[in-house]
């Protein structure tokens, strides 16, 4: 899968455990949320499959705040946004 074609989603551990663990068994944990990687082409399929869920498209700062406030995602991000969010939570974990 080409990096340019990737999309990312931060999801709650509960959502991951309920219905996503079989597709993303090794999803890493950042800020208490699981990080899923999929193709841009898969996004509409996922939105249709989980039509009862509101997919959120926020900027990195808003996503970090939402994750810190334990809001329910999924939070959909680009590679650049994901890198910024992961960096924030890695630094936070290193300093605690």
Protein backbone atom coordinates (compact mmCIF):
# COMPACT_ATOMS: atom_id res chain seq x y z
CA UNK A 1 0.00 0.00 0.00
CA UNK A 2 1.47 3.34 -1.04
CA UNK A 3 1.89 5.84 1.79
CA UNK A 4 0.25 8.49 -0.39
CA UNK A 5 -2.83 6.27 -0.57
CA UNK A 6 -3.09 5.69 3.19
CA UNK A 7 -5.62 7.09 5.63
CA UNK A 8 -5.54 6.73 9.39
CA UNK A 9 -8.13 6.53 12.14
CA UNK A 10 -7.84 6.83 15.89
CA UNK A 11 -10.53 4.70 17.55
CA UNK A 12 -11.44 3.99 21.15
CA UNK A 13 -10.25 0.72 22.67
CA UNK A 14 -13.90 -0.29 23.08
CA UNK A 15 -14.68 0.20 19.39
CA UNK A 16 -11.52 -1.64 18.43
CA UNK A 17 -12.33 -4.54 20.76
CA UNK A 18 -15.99 -4.75 19.65
CA UNK A 19 -15.58 -4.91 15.90
CA UNK A 20 -12.15 -3.95 14.58
CA UNK A 21 -9.65 -6.21 16.32
CA UNK A 22 -9.95 -8.97 13.74
CA UNK A 23 -9.07 -6.59 10.87
CA UNK A 24 -6.43 -4.60 12.76
CA UNK A 25 -5.10 -7.01 15.42
CA UNK A 26 -1.81 -5.15 15.85
CA UNK A 27 -3.16 -1.60 15.90
CA UNK A 28 -0.78 0.46 18.06
CA UNK A 29 -1.99 2.47 21.03
CA UNK A 30 -1.50 6.27 21.21
CA UNK A 31 -3.15 8.40 23.85
CA UNK A 32 -5.26 5.40 24.81
CA UNK A 33 -6.69 5.08 21.28
CA UNK A 34 -5.89 2.47 18.63
CA UNK A 35 -4.44 3.66 15.34
CA UNK A 36 -5.81 1.97 12.21
CA UNK A 37 -4.24 2.23 8.75
CA UNK A 38 -6.23 1.67 5.58
CA UNK A 39 -6.43 2.90 1.99
CA UNK A 40 -8.19 6.00 0.81
CA UNK A 41 -10.33 3.68 -1.33
CA UNK A 42 -11.47 1.78 1.80
CA UNK A 43 -12.74 4.87 3.60
CA UNK A 44 -16.15 5.08 1.85
CA UNK A 45 -16.64 1.34 2.45
CA UNK A 46 -15.87 1.76 6.15
CA UNK A 47 -18.22 4.75 6.40
CA UNK A 48 -20.98 2.67 4.80
CA UNK A 49 -20.26 -0.36 6.98
CA UNK A 50 -20.34 1.77 10.13
CA UNK A 51 -23.06 4.17 9.04
CA UNK A 52 -24.27 4.58 12.63
CA UNK A 53 -20.91 6.14 13.58
CA UNK A 54 -19.96 9.77 13.00
CA UNK A 55 -16.53 9.88 11.37
CA UNK A 56 -14.70 13.02 12.49
CA UNK A 57 -12.29 15.01 10.35
CA UNK A 58 -10.46 17.43 12.63
CA UNK A 59 -7.13 19.19 12.55
CA UNK A 60 -4.35 17.69 14.69
CA UNK A 61 -4.87 20.03 17.66
CA UNK A 62 -8.61 19.32 17.73
CA UNK A 63 -7.95 15.58 17.45
CA UNK A 64 -5.45 15.70 20.32
CA UNK A 65 -7.97 17.61 22.47
CA UNK A 66 -10.75 15.18 21.57
CA UNK A 67 -8.61 12.15 22.40
CA UNK A 68 -7.47 13.79 25.66
CA UNK A 69 -11.14 14.42 26.51
CA UNK A 70 -11.92 10.74 25.74
CA UNK A 71 -14.38 11.63 22.97
CA UNK A 72 -15.57 8.84 20.74
CA UNK A 73 -14.10 8.77 17.24
CA UNK A 74 -13.16 7.60 14.82
CA UNK A 75 -10.88 10.51 14.05
CA UNK A 76 -9.79 10.29 10.40
CA UNK A 77 -6.39 11.75 9.54
CA UNK A 78 -3.85 12.14 6.79
CA UNK A 79 -0.27 10.93 7.18
CA UNK A 80 0.99 14.38 8.20
CA UNK A 81 -1.77 14.84 10.77
CA UNK A 82 -1.17 11.35 12.16
CA UNK A 83 2.55 11.96 12.51
CA UNK A 84 1.88 15.15 14.50
CA UNK A 85 -0.65 13.41 16.77
CA UNK A 86 1.57 10.37 17.37
CA UNK A 87 4.53 12.65 18.14
CA UNK A 88 2.47 14.54 20.72
CA UNK A 89 1.37 11.38 22.55
CA UNK A 90 4.83 9.77 22.40
CA UNK A 91 6.37 12.87 23.96
CA UNK A 92 3.64 12.98 26.58
CA UNK A 93 4.27 9.33 27.51
CA UNK A 94 8.04 9.91 27.68
CA UNK A 95 7.56 12.82 30.09
CA UNK A 96 5.29 10.94 32.50
